[in-house]
N, C-alpha and C. Protein backbone atom coordinates (compact mmCIF):
# COMPACT_ATOMS: atom_id res chain seq x y z
N GLN A 1 -0.24 3.61 -19.11
CA GLN A 1 1.26 4.16 -19.23
C GLN A 1 1.78 3.99 -17.70
N VAL A 2 1.19 4.18 -16.54
CA VAL A 2 1.52 3.94 -15.36
C VAL A 2 1.26 2.50 -14.98
N GLN A 3 2.41 1.83 -14.58
CA GLN A 3 2.00 0.39 -14.20
C GLN A 3 2.59 0.35 -12.61
N LEU A 4 1.76 -0.57 -11.90
CA LEU A 4 2.29 -0.75 -10.59
C LEU A 4 2.20 -2.29 -10.25
N VAL A 5 3.17 -2.84 -9.74
CA VAL A 5 3.21 -4.30 -9.32
C VAL A 5 3.49 -4.35 -7.88
N GLU A 6 2.69 -5.00 -7.23
CA GLU A 6 2.87 -5.32 -5.72
C GLU A 6 3.45 -6.58 -5.50
N SER A 7 3.90 -6.75 -4.45
CA SER A 7 4.50 -8.22 -3.86
C SER A 7 4.66 -8.09 -2.45
N GLY A 8 4.82 -9.27 -1.83
CA GLY A 8 5.08 -9.34 -0.38
C GLY A 8 4.02 -9.84 0.21
N GLY A 9 2.85 -10.00 -0.11
CA GLY A 9 1.62 -10.73 0.74
C GLY A 9 1.87 -12.17 1.11
N GLY A 10 0.99 -12.59 1.76
CA GLY A 10 1.28 -14.04 2.13
C GLY A 10 0.42 -14.42 3.41
N LEU A 11 0.48 -15.46 3.95
CA LEU A 11 -0.32 -16.02 4.82
C LEU A 11 0.48 -15.96 6.31
N VAL A 12 0.12 -15.24 7.27
CA VAL A 12 0.80 -15.17 8.54
C VAL A 12 -0.28 -15.34 9.59
N GLN A 13 0.51 -15.58 10.80
CA GLN A 13 -0.43 -15.90 12.09
C GLN A 13 -0.51 -14.25 12.71
N PRO A 14 -1.38 -14.17 13.48
CA PRO A 14 -1.64 -12.74 14.15
C PRO A 14 -0.33 -12.51 15.11
N GLY A 15 0.00 -11.27 15.00
CA GLY A 15 1.06 -10.90 15.83
C GLY A 15 2.25 -10.99 14.59
N GLU A 16 2.37 -11.43 13.76
CA GLU A 16 3.34 -11.52 12.72
C GLU A 16 3.67 -10.20 11.84
N SER A 17 4.54 -10.21 11.03
CA SER A 17 4.76 -8.93 10.13
C SER A 17 4.85 -9.48 8.69
N LEU A 18 4.79 -8.49 7.96
CA LEU A 18 4.60 -8.53 6.51
C LEU A 18 5.23 -7.23 5.96
N ARG A 19 6.00 -7.22 4.72
CA ARG A 19 6.35 -5.96 4.29
C ARG A 19 5.81 -6.18 2.82
N LEU A 20 4.95 -5.17 2.25
CA LEU A 20 4.61 -5.11 0.95
C LEU A 20 5.38 -4.09 0.20
N SER A 21 5.60 -4.37 -1.19
CA SER A 21 6.39 -3.44 -1.89
C SER A 21 5.57 -3.18 -3.22
N CYS A 22 5.60 -2.23 -3.81
CA CYS A 22 5.11 -1.74 -5.04
C CYS A 22 6.06 -0.87 -5.71
N VAL A 23 6.39 -1.64 -6.95
CA VAL A 23 7.19 -0.87 -8.03
C VAL A 23 6.45 -0.31 -9.16
N VAL A 24 6.54 1.10 -9.36
CA VAL A 24 5.90 1.87 -10.25
C VAL A 24 6.75 2.39 -11.57
N SER A 25 6.11 2.06 -12.69
CA SER A 25 6.58 2.54 -14.01
C SER A 25 5.82 3.71 -14.35
N ARG A 26 6.43 4.92 -14.58
CA ARG A 26 5.48 5.99 -14.47
C ARG A 26 5.81 6.54 -15.83
N ASN A 27 6.67 6.38 -16.61
CA ASN A 27 6.71 6.99 -17.93
C ASN A 27 7.04 8.39 -18.08
N GLY A 28 7.49 9.06 -16.89
CA GLY A 28 8.12 10.44 -16.84
C GLY A 28 7.11 11.35 -16.01
N PHE A 29 5.99 10.55 -15.59
CA PHE A 29 5.01 11.34 -14.77
C PHE A 29 5.54 11.59 -13.47
N SER A 30 5.33 12.77 -12.86
CA SER A 30 5.54 12.87 -11.44
C SER A 30 4.58 12.09 -10.62
N ILE A 31 5.15 11.65 -9.34
CA ILE A 31 4.23 10.87 -8.53
C ILE A 31 4.18 11.70 -7.11
N ASN A 32 2.86 12.33 -7.20
CA ASN A 32 2.49 13.04 -6.06
C ASN A 32 2.14 12.34 -4.80
N TYR A 33 1.43 11.36 -4.93
CA TYR A 33 1.16 10.50 -3.75
C TYR A 33 1.35 8.96 -4.07
N MET A 34 1.82 8.42 -2.98
CA MET A 34 1.83 6.95 -3.06
C MET A 34 1.12 6.37 -1.97
N GLY A 35 0.28 5.36 -2.13
CA GLY A 35 -0.58 4.71 -0.93
C GLY A 35 -0.82 3.20 -1.20
N TRP A 36 -1.43 2.76 -0.16
CA TRP A 36 -1.91 1.50 -0.13
C TRP A 36 -3.56 1.55 0.34
N TYR A 37 -4.23 0.80 -0.07
CA TYR A 37 -5.42 0.68 0.01
C TYR A 37 -5.93 -1.01 0.35
N ARG A 38 -6.80 -1.34 0.94
CA ARG A 38 -7.23 -2.89 1.06
C ARG A 38 -8.66 -2.97 1.00
N GLN A 39 -9.04 -4.03 0.55
CA GLN A 39 -10.37 -4.50 0.24
C GLN A 39 -10.58 -5.76 0.93
N ALA A 40 -11.32 -6.07 2.05
CA ALA A 40 -11.56 -7.47 2.63
C ALA A 40 -12.98 -8.01 2.03
N PRO A 41 -13.17 -9.11 2.17
CA PRO A 41 -14.24 -9.75 1.42
C PRO A 41 -15.59 -9.21 1.88
N GLY A 42 -16.43 -8.74 0.99
CA GLY A 42 -17.60 -8.11 1.32
C GLY A 42 -17.65 -6.62 1.64
N LYS A 43 -16.49 -6.09 1.63
CA LYS A 43 -16.25 -4.65 1.98
C LYS A 43 -15.81 -3.90 1.01
N GLN A 44 -15.94 -2.48 1.10
CA GLN A 44 -15.24 -1.59 0.22
C GLN A 44 -13.84 -1.68 0.28
N ARG A 45 -13.18 -0.81 -0.63
CA ARG A 45 -11.84 -0.61 -0.70
C ARG A 45 -11.49 0.69 -0.05
N ASP A 46 -10.57 0.43 1.10
CA ASP A 46 -10.45 1.80 1.94
C ASP A 46 -8.95 2.09 2.14
N LEU A 47 -8.76 3.28 2.35
CA LEU A 47 -7.45 3.86 2.38
C LEU A 47 -6.47 3.15 3.80
N VAL A 48 -5.42 2.68 3.45
CA VAL A 48 -4.80 2.24 4.65
C VAL A 48 -3.78 3.21 5.14
N ALA A 49 -2.87 3.68 4.14
CA ALA A 49 -1.95 4.71 4.24
C ALA A 49 -1.58 5.26 3.01
N VAL A 50 -1.02 6.53 3.12
CA VAL A 50 -0.54 7.34 1.95
C VAL A 50 0.62 8.33 2.28
N VAL A 51 1.58 8.36 1.25
CA VAL A 51 2.72 9.18 1.70
C VAL A 51 2.83 10.12 0.44
N THR A 52 3.09 11.57 0.90
CA THR A 52 3.16 12.47 -0.32
C THR A 52 4.56 12.42 -0.71
N SER A 53 4.85 13.35 -1.76
CA SER A 53 6.36 13.30 -2.35
C SER A 53 7.19 14.18 -1.44
N GLY A 54 6.77 14.77 -0.47
CA GLY A 54 7.48 15.41 0.31
C GLY A 54 7.72 14.72 1.60
N GLY A 55 7.11 13.31 1.82
CA GLY A 55 7.48 12.48 2.88
C GLY A 55 6.46 12.45 4.00
N SER A 56 5.36 13.10 4.02
CA SER A 56 4.45 13.24 4.92
C SER A 56 3.36 12.19 4.78
N SER A 57 3.03 11.47 5.79
CA SER A 57 2.25 10.21 5.75
C SER A 57 1.01 10.04 6.65
N THR A 58 -0.20 9.55 6.08
CA THR A 58 -1.19 9.59 6.80
C THR A 58 -1.95 8.02 6.92
N TYR A 59 -2.21 7.91 8.02
CA TYR A 59 -2.89 6.38 8.14
C TYR A 59 -4.24 6.01 8.68
N ALA A 60 -5.02 4.99 8.32
CA ALA A 60 -6.08 4.80 8.74
C ALA A 60 -6.04 4.69 10.42
N ASP A 61 -6.91 4.89 10.96
CA ASP A 61 -7.03 4.68 12.42
C ASP A 61 -6.72 3.20 12.82
N SER A 62 -7.53 2.34 12.05
CA SER A 62 -7.11 0.95 12.40
C SER A 62 -5.67 0.29 12.27
N VAL A 63 -4.79 1.14 11.67
CA VAL A 63 -3.47 0.58 11.52
C VAL A 63 -2.39 1.55 12.07
N LYS A 64 -2.76 2.61 12.81
CA LYS A 64 -1.88 3.52 13.45
C LYS A 64 -1.04 2.73 14.56
N GLY A 65 0.19 3.13 14.39
CA GLY A 65 1.15 2.57 15.28
C GLY A 65 1.55 1.09 15.05
N ARG A 66 1.04 0.57 14.10
CA ARG A 66 1.29 -0.96 13.55
C ARG A 66 1.71 -0.91 12.31
N PHE A 67 1.55 -0.09 11.34
CA PHE A 67 1.93 -0.12 10.03
C PHE A 67 2.82 1.09 9.72
N THR A 68 3.62 1.10 8.75
CA THR A 68 4.55 2.21 8.42
C THR A 68 4.70 2.13 6.81
N ILE A 69 4.28 3.29 6.30
CA ILE A 69 4.62 3.52 4.95
C ILE A 69 5.73 4.24 4.47
N SER A 70 6.49 4.06 3.53
CA SER A 70 7.64 4.64 2.98
C SER A 70 7.72 4.56 1.75
N ARG A 71 8.66 5.56 1.23
CA ARG A 71 8.71 5.45 -0.61
C ARG A 71 10.38 5.76 -0.74
N ASP A 72 10.61 5.08 -1.66
CA ASP A 72 11.94 5.47 -2.23
C ASP A 72 11.93 5.88 -3.80
N ASN A 73 12.05 7.22 -3.87
CA ASN A 73 11.75 7.87 -4.91
C ASN A 73 12.88 7.40 -6.08
N ALA A 74 14.10 7.20 -5.88
CA ALA A 74 14.96 6.82 -6.82
C ALA A 74 14.50 5.32 -7.32
N LYS A 75 13.88 4.54 -6.66
CA LYS A 75 13.52 3.26 -7.03
C LYS A 75 12.04 3.25 -7.28
N ASN A 76 11.58 4.39 -7.26
CA ASN A 76 10.03 4.40 -7.65
C ASN A 76 9.14 3.22 -6.95
N THR A 77 9.40 3.14 -5.65
CA THR A 77 8.92 2.07 -4.92
C THR A 77 8.31 2.69 -3.58
N VAL A 78 7.15 2.18 -3.20
CA VAL A 78 6.66 2.39 -2.11
C VAL A 78 6.33 0.98 -1.25
N TYR A 79 6.57 1.12 0.04
CA TYR A 79 6.82 0.06 0.91
C TYR A 79 5.52 0.32 1.99
N LEU A 80 5.09 -0.94 2.42
CA LEU A 80 4.31 -0.87 3.57
C LEU A 80 4.66 -2.12 4.59
N GLN A 81 5.25 -1.55 5.79
CA GLN A 81 5.70 -2.47 6.83
C GLN A 81 4.41 -2.60 7.72
N MET A 82 4.17 -3.77 7.80
CA MET A 82 3.01 -4.13 8.57
C MET A 82 3.42 -5.26 9.72
N ASN A 83 3.31 -4.68 11.02
CA ASN A 83 3.60 -5.09 12.07
C ASN A 83 2.35 -5.73 13.01
N SER A 84 2.55 -6.71 13.87
CA SER A 84 1.48 -6.87 14.73
C SER A 84 0.11 -7.12 14.00
N LEU A 85 0.17 -8.00 13.08
CA LEU A 85 -1.00 -8.04 12.15
C LEU A 85 -2.17 -8.68 12.92
N LYS A 86 -3.39 -8.38 12.79
CA LYS A 86 -4.59 -8.87 13.25
C LYS A 86 -5.35 -9.62 12.28
N LEU A 87 -6.30 -10.41 12.66
CA LEU A 87 -7.18 -11.32 11.86
C LEU A 87 -8.00 -10.03 10.81
N GLU A 88 -8.14 -9.19 11.49
CA GLU A 88 -8.93 -8.00 10.63
C GLU A 88 -8.15 -7.37 9.41
N ASP A 89 -7.05 -7.70 9.47
CA ASP A 89 -5.97 -7.00 8.49
C ASP A 89 -6.03 -7.85 7.12
N THR A 90 -6.81 -8.93 7.19
CA THR A 90 -6.95 -9.94 6.17
C THR A 90 -7.65 -9.10 4.86
N ALA A 91 -7.04 -9.06 3.77
CA ALA A 91 -7.64 -8.23 2.55
C ALA A 91 -6.63 -8.61 1.34
N VAL A 92 -7.06 -8.03 0.37
CA VAL A 92 -6.42 -7.68 -0.64
C VAL A 92 -6.03 -6.30 -0.70
N TYR A 93 -4.55 -6.19 -0.71
CA TYR A 93 -3.95 -5.02 -0.81
C TYR A 93 -3.48 -4.23 -1.93
N TYR A 94 -3.86 -3.13 -2.30
CA TYR A 94 -3.64 -2.60 -3.58
C TYR A 94 -2.79 -1.37 -3.54
N CYS A 95 -1.66 -1.24 -4.36
CA CYS A 95 -0.93 -0.09 -4.32
C CYS A 95 -1.64 0.84 -5.33
N ASN A 96 -1.37 2.16 -4.89
CA ASN A 96 -2.06 3.43 -5.61
C ASN A 96 -1.07 4.60 -5.57
N VAL A 97 -1.15 5.12 -6.77
CA VAL A 97 -0.38 6.40 -7.02
C VAL A 97 -1.23 7.38 -7.71
N LYS A 98 -0.91 8.69 -7.34
CA LYS A 98 -1.72 9.66 -7.99
C LYS A 98 -0.58 10.61 -8.80
N THR A 99 -0.65 10.77 -9.99
CA THR A 99 0.53 11.44 -10.91
C THR A 99 0.03 12.68 -11.71
N GLY A 100 0.86 13.43 -11.86
CA GLY A 100 0.89 14.54 -12.86
C GLY A 100 0.06 15.66 -12.26
N ILE A 101 -0.38 16.64 -13.11
CA ILE A 101 -0.80 17.83 -12.63
C ILE A 101 -2.38 17.66 -12.15
N TYR A 102 -2.91 16.57 -12.85
CA TYR A 102 -4.41 16.04 -12.41
C TYR A 102 -4.52 15.14 -11.33
N ASN A 103 -3.57 14.68 -10.78
CA ASN A 103 -3.42 13.68 -9.73
C ASN A 103 -4.15 12.48 -10.14
N THR A 104 -3.84 12.01 -11.40
CA THR A 104 -4.51 10.75 -11.89
C THR A 104 -4.29 9.54 -11.20
N ASN A 105 -5.31 8.93 -10.87
CA ASN A 105 -5.10 7.44 -10.02
C ASN A 105 -4.70 6.32 -11.07
N HIS A 106 -3.79 5.63 -10.25
CA HIS A 106 -3.35 4.28 -10.84
C HIS A 106 -3.46 3.14 -9.71
N TRP A 107 -3.70 1.86 -10.19
CA TRP A 107 -3.81 1.04 -9.31
C TRP A 107 -3.17 -0.28 -9.62
N GLY A 108 -2.54 -0.89 -8.90
CA GLY A 108 -1.95 -2.17 -8.99
C GLY A 108 -2.93 -3.22 -8.94
N GLN A 109 -2.59 -4.44 -9.28
CA GLN A 109 -3.50 -5.59 -9.34
C GLN A 109 -3.85 -6.10 -7.89
N GLY A 110 -2.99 -5.94 -7.03
CA GLY A 110 -3.29 -6.39 -5.55
C GLY A 110 -2.61 -7.50 -5.14
N THR A 111 -2.30 -7.55 -3.85
CA THR A 111 -1.62 -8.86 -3.25
C THR A 111 -2.27 -9.30 -1.95
N GLN A 112 -2.47 -10.53 -1.98
CA GLN A 112 -3.43 -11.13 -0.83
C GLN A 112 -2.61 -11.08 0.44
N VAL A 113 -3.15 -10.45 1.62
CA VAL A 113 -2.53 -10.75 2.80
C VAL A 113 -3.72 -11.59 3.60
N THR A 114 -3.31 -12.61 4.29
CA THR A 114 -4.16 -13.28 5.15
C THR A 114 -3.56 -13.55 6.45
N VAL A 115 -4.23 -13.18 7.50
CA VAL A 115 -3.90 -13.20 8.96
C VAL A 115 -4.95 -14.33 9.53
N SER A 116 -4.27 -15.45 9.95
CA SER A 116 -5.39 -16.56 10.30
C SER A 116 -4.46 -17.20 11.44
N SER A 117 -5.21 -17.51 12.55
CA SER A 117 -4.83 -18.47 13.78
C SER A 117 -4.78 -19.86 13.52
């Protein structure tokens, strides 16, 4: 019932920026948390950033100071502004939302971010 569509990935050089977007179709469920995870080749999927319905955000230590998460409740969209990208940021980035009274998890299909020199 809840669908997420990510966009904005691409190929960039170190130091450049990208902005990811995730549009959520939620069929009336409340969205309690919106966030971004990433999975690099050979590694597990890890949290990048999350923002609550109240606007509080949390970041992985590896991206603090470089990435900014934001949400637009009216547009049902969450963004991830990624600045000063590093080679280590290369991964598939997945949008994630937690909805309803049970904080049900929903995932997007992922968007590829490749940082290469």
